[in-house]
Amino acid sequence: MMIDNWQKFNDMSADKLFDEIKLLNSKLAKLPPSTSVRGQLLEVIQMAQTAYNEKMFVARHESTTDENDGVVEIGEIESHVSETVDKDYVNIVASTYVSRIKK
């Protein structure tokens, strides 16, 4: 039964599915809270809502242009690598690490 509903919801257009969700919610509002059918109807509504969300996601994804599908450029990074090494600084750092290891 649930698979049939899933197939039915996936076969509907987004507009029809939206109307179906509204109809299901109105039926849910009319049910008394103690009814055992309420839980089943909530599951069907959740399934319909999931199918609707997927349809909306696909529609949004298909409507994006190729320009928007690319990488978003947020800026440029400029870097400078010094080719000279301060040998005294390297020796100080290295001796600090070596002295810690020897202790």
PDB file of N, CA and C in Angstrom:
ATOM      1  N   MET A   1       0.828  -1.197   0.000  1.00  0.00           N
ATOM      2  CA  MET A   1       0.000   0.000   0.000  1.00  0.00           C
ATOM      3  C   MET A   1       0.871   1.259   0.000  1.00  0.00           C
ATOM      4  N   MET A   2       1.913   1.264   0.848  1.00  0.00           N
ATOM      5  CA  MET A   2       2.779   2.444   0.925  1.00  0.00           C
ATOM      6  C   MET A   2       3.560   2.643  -0.369  1.00  0.00           C
ATOM      7  N   ILE A   3       3.990   1.530  -0.990  1.00  0.00           N
ATOM      8  CA  ILE A   3       4.727   1.645  -2.245  1.00  0.00           C
ATOM      9  C   ILE A   3       3.812   2.198  -3.328  1.00  0.00           C
ATOM     10  N   ASP A   4       2.559   1.788  -3.315  1.00  0.00           N
ATOM     11  CA  ASP A   4       1.597   2.320  -4.277  1.00  0.00           C
ATOM     12  C   ASP A   4       1.447   3.833  -4.113  1.00  0.00           C
ATOM     13  N   ASN A   5       1.376   4.287  -2.864  1.00  0.00           N
ATOM     14  CA  ASN A   5       1.266   5.732  -2.615  1.00  0.00           C
ATOM     15  C   ASN A   5       2.518   6.449  -3.094  1.00  0.00           C
ATOM     16  N   TRP A   6       3.671   5.870  -2.830  1.00  0.00           N
ATOM     17  CA  TRP A   6       4.936   6.495  -3.246  1.00  0.00           C
ATOM     18  C   TRP A   6       4.962   6.649  -4.760  1.00  0.00           C
ATOM     19  N   GLN A   7       4.578   5.600  -5.464  1.00  0.00           N
ATOM     20  CA  GLN A   7       4.544   5.656  -6.922  1.00  0.00           C
ATOM     21  C   GLN A   7       3.532   6.693  -7.399  1.00  0.00           C
ATOM     22  N   LYS A   8       2.380   6.721  -6.755  1.00  0.00           N
ATOM     23  CA  LYS A   8       1.337   7.687  -7.107  1.00  0.00           C
ATOM     24  C   LYS A   8       1.841   9.113  -6.927  1.00  0.00           C
ATOM     25  N   PHE A   9       2.525   9.387  -5.800  1.00  0.00           N
ATOM     26  CA  PHE A   9       3.036  10.726  -5.532  1.00  0.00           C
ATOM     27  C   PHE A   9       4.134  11.113  -6.518  1.00  0.00           C
ATOM     28  N   ASN A  10       4.979  10.168  -6.876  1.00  0.00           N
ATOM     29  CA  ASN A  10       6.060  10.470  -7.819  1.00  0.00           C
ATOM     30  C   ASN A  10       5.542  10.696  -9.236  1.00  0.00           C
ATOM     31  N   ASP A  11       4.417  10.096  -9.565  1.00  0.00           N
ATOM     32  CA  ASP A  11       3.842  10.276 -10.896  1.00  0.00           C
ATOM     33  C   ASP A  11       3.094  11.602 -11.035  1.00  0.00           C
ATOM     34  N   MET A  12       2.746  12.234  -9.931  1.00  0.00           N
ATOM     35  CA  MET A  12       2.005  13.501  -9.965  1.00  0.00           C
ATOM     36  C   MET A  12       2.936  14.668 -10.283  1.00  0.00           C
ATOM     37  N   SER A  13       2.359  15.709 -10.866  1.00  0.00           N
ATOM     38  CA  SER A  13       3.129  16.944 -11.041  1.00  0.00           C
ATOM     39  C   SER A  13       3.242  17.628  -9.673  1.00  0.00           C
ATOM     40  N   ALA A  14       4.138  18.568  -9.573  1.00  0.00           N
ATOM     41  CA  ALA A  14       4.348  19.268  -8.299  1.00  0.00           C
ATOM     42  C   ALA A  14       3.079  19.994  -7.856  1.00  0.00           C
ATOM     43  N   ASP A  15       2.368  20.600  -8.787  1.00  0.00           N
ATOM     44  CA  ASP A  15       1.134  21.320  -8.440  1.00  0.00           C
ATOM     45  C   ASP A  15       0.054  20.369  -7.925  1.00  0.00           C
ATOM     46  N   LYS A  16      -0.103  19.240  -8.619  1.00  0.00           N
ATOM     47  CA  LYS A  16      -1.108  18.255  -8.187  1.00  0.00           C
ATOM     48  C   LYS A  16      -0.735  17.669  -6.832  1.00  0.00           C
ATOM     49  N   LEU A  17       0.545  17.434  -6.641  1.00  0.00           N
ATOM     50  CA  LEU A  17       1.008  16.874  -5.377  1.00  0.00           C
ATOM     51  C   LEU A  17       0.789  17.861  -4.233  1.00  0.00           C
ATOM     52  N   PHE A  18       1.017  19.137  -4.503  1.00  0.00           N
ATOM     53  CA  PHE A  18       0.768  20.161  -3.493  1.00  0.00           C
ATOM     54  C   PHE A  18      -0.713  20.175  -3.095  1.00  0.00           C
ATOM     55  N   ASP A  19      -1.580  20.079  -4.107  1.00  0.00           N
ATOM     56  CA  ASP A  19      -3.023  20.034  -3.833  1.00  0.00           C
ATOM     57  C   ASP A  19      -3.389  18.779  -3.043  1.00  0.00           C
ATOM     58  N   GLU A  20      -2.745  17.671  -3.358  1.00  0.00           N
ATOM     59  CA  GLU A  20      -2.997  16.413  -2.642  1.00  0.00           C
ATOM     60  C   GLU A  20      -2.576  16.529  -1.171  1.00  0.00           C
ATOM     61  N   ILE A  21      -1.457  17.177  -0.923  1.00  0.00           N
ATOM     62  CA  ILE A  21      -0.993  17.372   0.455  1.00  0.00           C
ATOM     63  C   ILE A  21      -1.978  18.243   1.225  1.00  0.00           C
ATOM     64  N   LYS A  22      -2.481  19.288   0.579  1.00  0.00           N
ATOM     65  CA  LYS A  22      -3.493  20.131   1.223  1.00  0.00           C
ATOM     66  C   LYS A  22      -4.749  19.329   1.549  1.00  0.00           C
ATOM     67  N   LEU A  23      -5.177  18.486   0.620  1.00  0.00           N
ATOM     68  CA  LEU A  23      -6.354  17.657   0.834  1.00  0.00           C
ATOM     69  C   LEU A  23      -6.131  16.676   1.992  1.00  0.00           C
ATOM     70  N   LEU A  24      -4.974  16.049   2.020  1.00  0.00           N
ATOM     71  CA  LEU A  24      -4.662  15.109   3.103  1.00  0.00           C
ATOM     72  C   LEU A  24      -4.625  15.812   4.456  1.00  0.00           C
ATOM     73  N   ASN A  25      -4.061  17.007   4.484  1.00  0.00           N
ATOM     74  CA  ASN A  25      -4.012  17.770   5.740  1.00  0.00           C
ATOM     75  C   ASN A  25      -5.405  18.182   6.205  1.00  0.00           C
ATOM     76  N   SER A  26      -6.287  18.500   5.262  1.00  0.00           N
ATOM     77  CA  SER A  26      -7.655  18.854   5.664  1.00  0.00           C
ATOM     78  C   SER A  26      -8.381  17.629   6.216  1.00  0.00           C
ATOM     79  N   LYS A  27      -8.128  16.451   5.627  1.00  0.00           N
ATOM     80  CA  LYS A  27      -8.703  15.224   6.162  1.00  0.00           C
ATOM     81  C   LYS A  27      -8.157  14.926   7.554  1.00  0.00           C
ATOM     82  N   LEU A  28      -6.875  15.182   7.745  1.00  0.00           N
ATOM     83  CA  LEU A  28      -6.246  14.960   9.051  1.00  0.00           C
ATOM     84  C   LEU A  28      -6.860  15.870  10.104  1.00  0.00           C
ATOM     85  N   ALA A  29      -7.150  17.100   9.738  1.00  0.00           N
ATOM     86  CA  ALA A  29      -7.722  18.057  10.690  1.00  0.00           C
ATOM     87  C   ALA A  29      -9.116  17.637  11.140  1.00  0.00           C
ATOM     88  N   LYS A  30      -9.821  16.911  10.293  1.00  0.00           N
ATOM     89  CA  LYS A  30     -11.171  16.477  10.638  1.00  0.00           C
ATOM     90  C   LYS A  30     -11.195  15.226  11.504  1.00  0.00           C
ATOM     91  N   LEU A  31     -10.076  14.498  11.552  1.00  0.00           N
ATOM     92  CA  LEU A  31     -10.029  13.265  12.340  1.00  0.00           C
ATOM     93  C   LEU A  31      -9.874  13.567  13.828  1.00  0.00           C
ATOM     94  N   PRO A  32     -10.548  12.817  14.680  1.00  0.00           N
ATOM     95  CA  PRO A  32     -10.322  12.974  16.119  1.00  0.00           C
ATOM     96  C   PRO A  32      -8.924  12.472  16.487  1.00  0.00           C
ATOM     97  N   PRO A  33      -8.298  13.085  17.475  1.00  0.00           N
ATOM     98  CA  PRO A  33      -6.925  12.707  17.844  1.00  0.00           C
ATOM     99  C   PRO A  33      -6.770  11.249  18.282  1.00  0.00           C
ATOM    100  N   SER A  34      -7.812  10.637  18.779  1.00  0.00           N
ATOM    101  CA  SER A  34      -7.704   9.271  19.295  1.00  0.00           C
ATOM    102  C   SER A  34      -7.867   8.206  18.215  1.00  0.00           C
ATOM    103  N   THR A  35      -8.098   8.582  16.980  1.00  0.00           N
ATOM    104  CA  THR A  35      -8.323   7.629  15.903  1.00  0.00           C
ATOM    105  C   THR A  35      -7.016   6.938  15.513  1.00  0.00           C
ATOM    106  N   SER A  36      -7.097   5.627  15.307  1.00  0.00           N
ATOM    107  CA  SER A  36      -5.897   4.874  14.926  1.00  0.00           C
ATOM    108  C   SER A  36      -5.471   5.170  13.483  1.00  0.00           C
ATOM    109  N   VAL A  37      -6.379   5.647  12.681  1.00  0.00           N
ATOM    110  CA  VAL A  37      -6.074   5.975  11.288  1.00  0.00           C
ATOM    111  C   VAL A  37      -5.190   7.221  11.203  1.00  0.00           C
ATOM    112  N   ARG A  38      -5.216   8.035  12.235  1.00  0.00           N
ATOM    113  CA  ARG A  38      -4.452   9.298  12.253  1.00  0.00           C
ATOM    114  C   ARG A  38      -2.960   9.060  12.005  1.00  0.00           C
ATOM    115  N   GLY A  39      -2.397   8.061  12.662  1.00  0.00           N
ATOM    116  CA  GLY A  39      -0.970   7.763  12.485  1.00  0.00           C
ATOM    117  C   GLY A  39      -0.644   7.354  11.060  1.00  0.00           C
ATOM    118  N   GLN A  40      -1.525   6.544  10.470  1.00  0.00           N
ATOM    119  CA  GLN A  40      -1.317   6.121   9.084  1.00  0.00           C
ATOM    120  C   GLN A  40      -1.406   7.308   8.130  1.00  0.00           C
ATOM    121  N   LEU A  41      -2.343   8.180   8.380  1.00  0.00           N
ATOM    122  CA  LEU A  41      -2.503   9.355   7.531  1.00  0.00           C
ATOM    123  C   LEU A  41      -1.300  10.296   7.663  1.00  0.00           C
ATOM    124  N   LEU A  42      -0.776  10.404   8.857  1.00  0.00           N
ATOM    125  CA  LEU A  42       0.428  11.222   9.059  1.00  0.00           C
ATOM    126  C   LEU A  42       1.602  10.659   8.259  1.00  0.00           C
ATOM    127  N   GLU A  43       1.725   9.339   8.213  1.00  0.00           N
ATOM    128  CA  GLU A  43       2.799   8.715   7.430  1.00  0.00           C
ATOM    129  C   GLU A  43       2.617   8.985   5.938  1.00  0.00           C
ATOM    130  N   VAL A  44       1.392   8.928   5.466  1.00  0.00           N
ATOM    131  CA  VAL A  44       1.112   9.198   4.051  1.00  0.00           C
ATOM    132  C   VAL A  44       1.429  10.658   3.732  1.00  0.00           C
ATOM    133  N   ILE A  45       1.070  11.564   4.631  1.00  0.00           N
ATOM    134  CA  ILE A  45       1.365  12.992   4.428  1.00  0.00           C
ATOM    135  C   ILE A  45       2.871  13.214   4.389  1.00  0.00           C
ATOM    136  N   GLN A  46       3.584  12.551   5.287  1.00  0.00           N
ATOM    137  CA  GLN A  46       5.048  12.682   5.315  1.00  0.00           C
ATOM    138  C   GLN A  46       5.650  12.168   4.006  1.00  0.00           C
ATOM    139  N   MET A  47       5.131  11.059   3.510  1.00  0.00           N
ATOM    140  CA  MET A  47       5.613  10.501   2.245  1.00  0.00           C
ATOM    141  C   MET A  47       5.340  11.468   1.093  1.00  0.00           C
ATOM    142  N   ALA A  48       4.148  12.047   1.068  1.00  0.00           N
ATOM    143  CA  ALA A  48       3.798  13.008   0.022  1.00  0.00           C
ATOM    144  C   ALA A  48       4.683  14.248   0.117  1.00  0.00           C
ATOM    145  N   GLN A  49       4.937  14.685   1.328  1.00  0.00           N
ATOM    146  CA  GLN A  49       5.788  15.868   1.525  1.00  0.00           C
ATOM    147  C   GLN A  49       7.218  15.591   1.061  1.00  0.00           C
ATOM    148  N   THR A  50       7.725  14.397   1.336  1.00  0.00           N
ATOM    149  CA  THR A  50       9.061  14.024   0.883  1.00  0.00           C
ATOM    150  C   THR A  50       9.131  14.010  -0.639  1.00  0.00           C
ATOM    151  N   ALA A  51       8.123  13.436  -1.283  1.00  0.00           N
ATOM    152  CA  ALA A  51       8.083  13.418  -2.747  1.00  0.00           C
ATOM    153  C   ALA A  51       8.017  14.842  -3.301  1.00  0.00           C
ATOM    154  N   TYR A  52       7.239  15.699  -2.651  1.00  0.00           N
ATOM    155  CA  TYR A  52       7.127  17.098  -3.086  1.00  0.00           C
ATOM    156  C   TYR A  52       8.468  17.819  -2.937  1.00  0.00           C
ATOM    157  N   ASN A  53       9.133  17.605  -1.803  1.00  0.00           N
ATOM    158  CA  ASN A  53      10.436  18.249  -1.585  1.00  0.00           C
ATOM    159  C   ASN A  53      11.443  17.807  -2.638  1.00  0.00           C
ATOM    160  N   GLU A  54      11.427  16.525  -2.990  1.00  0.00           N
ATOM    161  CA  GLU A  54      12.333  16.037  -4.027  1.00  0.00           C
ATOM    162  C   GLU A  54      12.031  16.695  -5.368  1.00  0.00           C
ATOM    163  N   LYS A  55      10.753  16.811  -5.700  1.00  0.00           N
ATOM    164  CA  LYS A  55      10.373  17.453  -6.957  1.00  0.00           C
ATOM    165  C   LYS A  55      10.836  18.914  -6.988  1.00  0.00           C
ATOM    166  N   MET A  56      10.691  19.604  -5.873  1.00  0.00           N
ATOM    167  CA  MET A  56      11.114  21.006  -5.809  1.00  0.00           C
ATOM    168  C   MET A  56      12.634  21.122  -5.931  1.00  0.00           C
ATOM    169  N   PHE A  57      13.348  20.205  -5.314  1.00  0.00           N
ATOM    170  CA  PHE A  57      14.806  20.220  -5.400  1.00  0.00           C
ATOM    171  C   PHE A  57      15.254  20.006  -6.845  1.00  0.00           C
ATOM    172  N   VAL A  58      14.661  19.019  -7.506  1.00  0.00           N
ATOM    173  CA  VAL A  58      15.013  18.732  -8.893  1.00  0.00           C
ATOM    174  C   VAL A  58      14.671  19.925  -9.785  1.00  0.00           C
ATOM    175  N   ALA A  59      13.522  20.529  -9.557  1.00  0.00           N
ATOM    176  CA  ALA A  59      13.121  21.688 -10.361  1.00  0.00           C
ATOM    177  C   ALA A  59      14.090  22.851 -10.172  1.00  0.00           C
ATOM    178  N   ARG A  60      14.495  23.091  -8.928  1.00  0.00           N
ATOM    179  CA  ARG A  60      15.460  24.166  -8.661  1.00  0.00           C
ATOM    180  C   ARG A  60      16.794  23.868  -9.319  1.00  0.00           C
ATOM    181  N   HIS A  61      17.209  22.602  -9.236  1.00  0.00           N
ATOM    182  CA  HIS A  61      18.497  22.214  -9.805  1.00  0.00           C
ATOM    183  C   HIS A  61      18.485  22.339 -11.331  1.00  0.00           C
ATOM    184  N   GLU A  62      17.385  21.948 -11.957  1.00  0.00           N
ATOM    185  CA  GLU A  62      17.282  22.034 -13.412  1.00  0.00           C
ATOM    186  C   GLU A  62      17.157  23.465 -13.892  1.00  0.00           C
ATOM    187  N   SER A  63      16.639  24.352 -13.069  1.00  0.00           N
ATOM    188  CA  SER A  63      16.438  25.728 -13.506  1.00  0.00           C
ATOM    189  C   SER A  63      17.698  26.586 -13.394  1.00  0.00           C
ATOM    190  N   THR A  64      18.715  26.076 -12.743  1.00  0.00           N
ATOM    191  CA  THR A  64      19.946  26.858 -12.643  1.00  0.00           C
ATOM    192  C   THR A  64      20.643  26.862 -13.988  1.00  0.00           C
ATOM    193  N   THR A  65      21.251  27.960 -14.306  1.00  0.00           N
ATOM    194  CA  THR A  65      21.956  28.074 -15.577  1.00  0.00           C
ATOM    195  C   THR A  65      23.358  27.517 -15.438  1.00  0.00           C
ATOM    196  N   ASP A  66      23.992  27.314 -16.573  1.00  0.00           N
ATOM    197  CA  ASP A  66      25.370  26.810 -16.554  1.00  0.00           C
ATOM    198  C   ASP A  66      26.289  27.773 -15.826  1.00  0.00           C
ATOM    199  N   GLU A  67      25.960  29.037 -15.894  1.00  0.00           N
ATOM    200  CA  GLU A  67      26.773  30.050 -15.219  1.00  0.00           C
ATOM    201  C   GLU A  67      26.775  29.828 -13.715  1.00  0.00           C
ATOM    202  N   ASN A  68      25.649  29.433 -13.165  1.00  0.00           N
ATOM    203  CA  ASN A  68      25.546  29.214 -11.728  1.00  0.00           C
ATOM    204  C   ASN A  68      26.054  27.848 -11.297  1.00  0.00           C
ATOM    205  N   ASP A  69      26.234  26.924 -12.244  1.00  0.00           N
ATOM    206  CA  ASP A  69      26.688  25.582 -11.895  1.00  0.00           C
ATOM    207  C   ASP A  69      28.187  25.517 -11.641  1.00  0.00           C
ATOM    208  N   GLY A  70      28.917  26.511 -12.073  1.00  0.00           N
ATOM    209  CA  GLY A  70      30.364  26.484 -11.943  1.00  0.00           C
ATOM    210  C   GLY A  70      30.823  26.810 -10.532  1.00  0.00           C
ATOM    211  N   VAL A  71      32.100  26.981 -10.422  1.00  0.00           N
ATOM    212  CA  VAL A  71      32.706  27.314  -9.145  1.00  0.00           C
ATOM    213  C   VAL A  71      32.417  28.772  -8.829  1.00  0.00           C
ATOM    214  N   VAL A  72      32.074  29.037  -7.605  1.00  0.00           N
ATOM    215  CA  VAL A  72      31.824  30.406  -7.176  1.00  0.00           C
ATOM    216  C   VAL A  72      33.161  31.024  -6.803  1.00  0.00           C
ATOM    217  N   GLU A  73      33.501  32.084  -7.488  1.00  0.00           N
ATOM    218  CA  GLU A  73      34.759  32.748  -7.213  1.00  0.00           C
ATOM    219  C   GLU A  73      34.549  33.756  -6.095  1.00  0.00           C
ATOM    220  N   ILE A  74      35.269  33.573  -5.009  1.00  0.00           N
ATOM    221  CA  ILE A  74      35.095  34.459  -3.863  1.00  0.00           C
ATOM    222  C   ILE A  74      36.252  35.424  -3.691  1.00  0.00           C
ATOM    223  N   GLY A  75      37.241  35.334  -4.550  1.00  0.00           N
ATOM    224  CA  GLY A  75      38.359  36.259  -4.457  1.00  0.00           C
ATOM    225  C   GLY A  75      39.649  35.591  -4.874  1.00  0.00           C
ATOM    226  N   GLU A  76      40.713  36.326  -4.763  1.00  0.00           N
ATOM    227  CA  GLU A  76      42.024  35.811  -5.130  1.00  0.00           C
ATOM    228  C   GLU A  76      42.939  35.846  -3.925  1.00  0.00           C
ATOM    229  N   ILE A  77      43.861  34.915  -3.905  1.00  0.00           N
ATOM    230  CA  ILE A  77      44.844  34.867  -2.825  1.00  0.00           C
ATOM    231  C   ILE A  77      46.205  35.145  -3.438  1.00  0.00           C
ATOM    232  N   GLU A  78      46.899  36.075  -2.838  1.00  0.00           N
ATOM    233  CA  GLU A  78      48.228  36.399  -3.317  1.00  0.00           C
ATOM    234  C   GLU A  78      49.216  35.916  -2.275  1.00  0.00           C
ATOM    235  N   SER A  79      50.222  35.213  -2.738  1.00  0.00           N
ATOM    236  CA  SER A  79      51.211  34.708  -1.788  1.00  0.00           C
ATOM    237  C   SER A  79      52.617  35.033  -2.279  1.00  0.00           C
ATOM    238  N   HIS A  80      53.512  35.104  -1.346  1.00  0.00           N
ATOM    239  CA  HIS A  80      54.913  35.370  -1.658  1.00  0.00           C
ATOM    240  C   HIS A  80      55.753  34.409  -0.831  1.00  0.00           C
ATOM    241  N   VAL A  81      56.596  33.678  -1.516  1.00  0.00           N
ATOM    242  CA  VAL A  81      57.466  32.734  -0.827  1.00  0.00           C
ATOM    243  C   VAL A  81      58.869  33.305  -0.876  1.00  0.00           C
ATOM    244  N   SER A  82      59.431  33.441   0.302  1.00  0.00           N
ATOM    245  CA  SER A  82      60.785  33.963   0.382  1.00  0.00           C
ATOM    246  C   SER A  82      61.763  32.867  -0.018  1.00  0.00           C
ATOM    247  N   GLU A  83      62.713  33.221  -0.890  1.00  0.00           N
ATOM    248  CA  GLU A  83      63.677  32.232  -1.341  1.00  0.00           C
ATOM    249  C   GLU A  83      64.885  32.182  -0.424  1.00  0.00           C
ATOM    250  N   THR A  84      65.040  33.162   0.413  1.00  0.00           N
ATOM    251  CA  THR A  84      66.159  33.146   1.347  1.00  0.00           C
ATOM    252  C   THR A  84      65.662  32.663   2.703  1.00  0.00           C
ATOM    253  N   VAL A  85      66.484  31.856   3.334  1.00  0.00           N
ATOM    254  CA  VAL A  85      66.127  31.291   4.619  1.00  0.00           C
ATOM    255  C   VAL A  85      67.033  31.917   5.663  1.00  0.00           C
ATOM    256  N   ASP A  86      66.433  32.338   6.758  1.00  0.00           N
ATOM    257  CA  ASP A  86      67.211  32.875   7.868  1.00  0.00           C
ATOM    258  C   ASP A  86      67.794  31.682   8.622  1.00  0.00           C
ATOM    259  N   LYS A  87      69.079  31.387   8.329  1.00  0.00           N
ATOM    260  CA  LYS A  87      69.709  30.192   8.892  1.00  0.00           C
ATOM    261  C   LYS A  87      69.820  30.261  10.404  1.00  0.00           C
ATOM    262  N   ASP A  88      70.013  31.433  10.947  1.00  0.00           N
ATOM    263  CA  ASP A  88      70.109  31.560  12.402  1.00  0.00           C
ATOM    264  C   ASP A  88      68.782  31.175  13.059  1.00  0.00           C
ATOM    265  N   TYR A  89      67.678  31.612  12.465  1.00  0.00           N
ATOM    266  CA  TYR A  89      66.355  31.291  13.009  1.00  0.00           C
ATOM    267  C   TYR A  89      66.102  29.780  12.939  1.00  0.00           C
ATOM    268  N   VAL A  90      66.444  29.174  11.813  1.00  0.00           N
ATOM    269  CA  VAL A  90      66.258  27.729  11.655  1.00  0.00           C
ATOM    270  C   VAL A  90      67.092  26.978  12.689  1.00  0.00           C
ATOM    271  N   ASN A  91      68.322  27.406  12.902  1.00  0.00           N
ATOM    272  CA  ASN A  91      69.192  26.744  13.884  1.00  0.00           C
ATOM    273  C   ASN A  91      68.642  26.875  15.302  1.00  0.00           C
ATOM    274  N   ILE A  92      68.091  28.029  15.638  1.00  0.00           N
ATOM    275  CA  ILE A  92      67.517  28.229  16.972  1.00  0.00           C
ATOM    276  C   ILE A  92      66.312  27.315  17.183  1.00  0.00           C
ATOM    277  N   VAL A  93      65.418  27.274  16.187  1.00  0.00           N
ATOM    278  CA  VAL A  93      64.231  26.420  16.298  1.00  0.00           C
ATOM    279  C   VAL A  93      64.638  24.955  16.379  1.00  0.00           C
ATOM    280  N   ALA A  94      65.569  24.539  15.530  1.00  0.00           N
ATOM    281  CA  ALA A  94      66.009  23.141  15.520  1.00  0.00           C
ATOM    282  C   ALA A  94      66.673  22.769  16.845  1.00  0.00           C
ATOM    283  N   SER A  95      67.509  23.638  17.359  1.00  0.00           N
ATOM    284  CA  SER A  95      68.185  23.315  18.631  1.00  0.00           C
ATOM    285  C   SER A  95      67.190  23.261  19.787  1.00  0.00           C
ATOM    286  N   THR A  96      66.128  24.060  19.728  1.00  0.00           N
ATOM    287  CA  THR A  96      65.100  24.017  20.766  1.00  0.00           C
ATOM    288  C   THR A  96      64.414  22.654  20.771  1.00  0.00           C
ATOM    289  N   TYR A  97      64.058  22.154  19.593  1.00  0.00           N
ATOM    290  CA  TYR A  97      63.413  20.852  19.514  1.00  0.00           C
ATOM    291  C   TYR A  97      64.366  19.730  19.924  1.00  0.00           C
ATOM    292  N   VAL A  98      65.609  19.831  19.493  1.00  0.00           N
ATOM    293  CA  VAL A  98      66.590  18.789  19.836  1.00  0.00           C
ATOM    294  C   VAL A  98      66.844  18.779  21.333  1.00  0.00           C
ATOM    295  N   SER A  99      66.915  19.949  21.947  1.00  0.00           N
ATOM    296  CA  SER A  99      67.170  19.991  23.402  1.00  0.00           C
ATOM    297  C   SER A  99      65.993  19.400  24.163  1.00  0.00           C
ATOM    298  N   ARG A 100      64.784  19.556  23.662  1.00  0.00           N
ATOM    299  CA  ARG A 100      63.607  18.966  24.328  1.00  0.00           C
ATOM    300  C   ARG A 100      63.642  17.448  24.229  1.00  0.00           C
ATOM    301  N   ILE A 101      64.091  16.946  23.095  1.00  0.00           N
ATOM    302  CA  ILE A 101      64.143  15.494  22.908  1.00  0.00           C
ATOM    303  C   ILE A 101      65.202  14.871  23.808  1.00  0.00           C
ATOM    304  N   LYS A 102      66.345  15.532  23.977  1.00  0.00           N
ATOM    305  CA  LYS A 102      67.439  15.003  24.787  1.00  0.00           C
ATOM    306  C   LYS A 102      67.088  14.950  26.267  1.00  0.00           C
ATOM    307  N   LYS A 103      66.196  15.797  26.736  1.00  0.00           N
ATOM    308  CA  LYS A 103      65.874  15.846  28.161  1.00  0.00           C
ATOM    309  C   LYS A 103      65.108  14.682  28.510  1.00  0.00           C
TER     310      LYS A 103
END
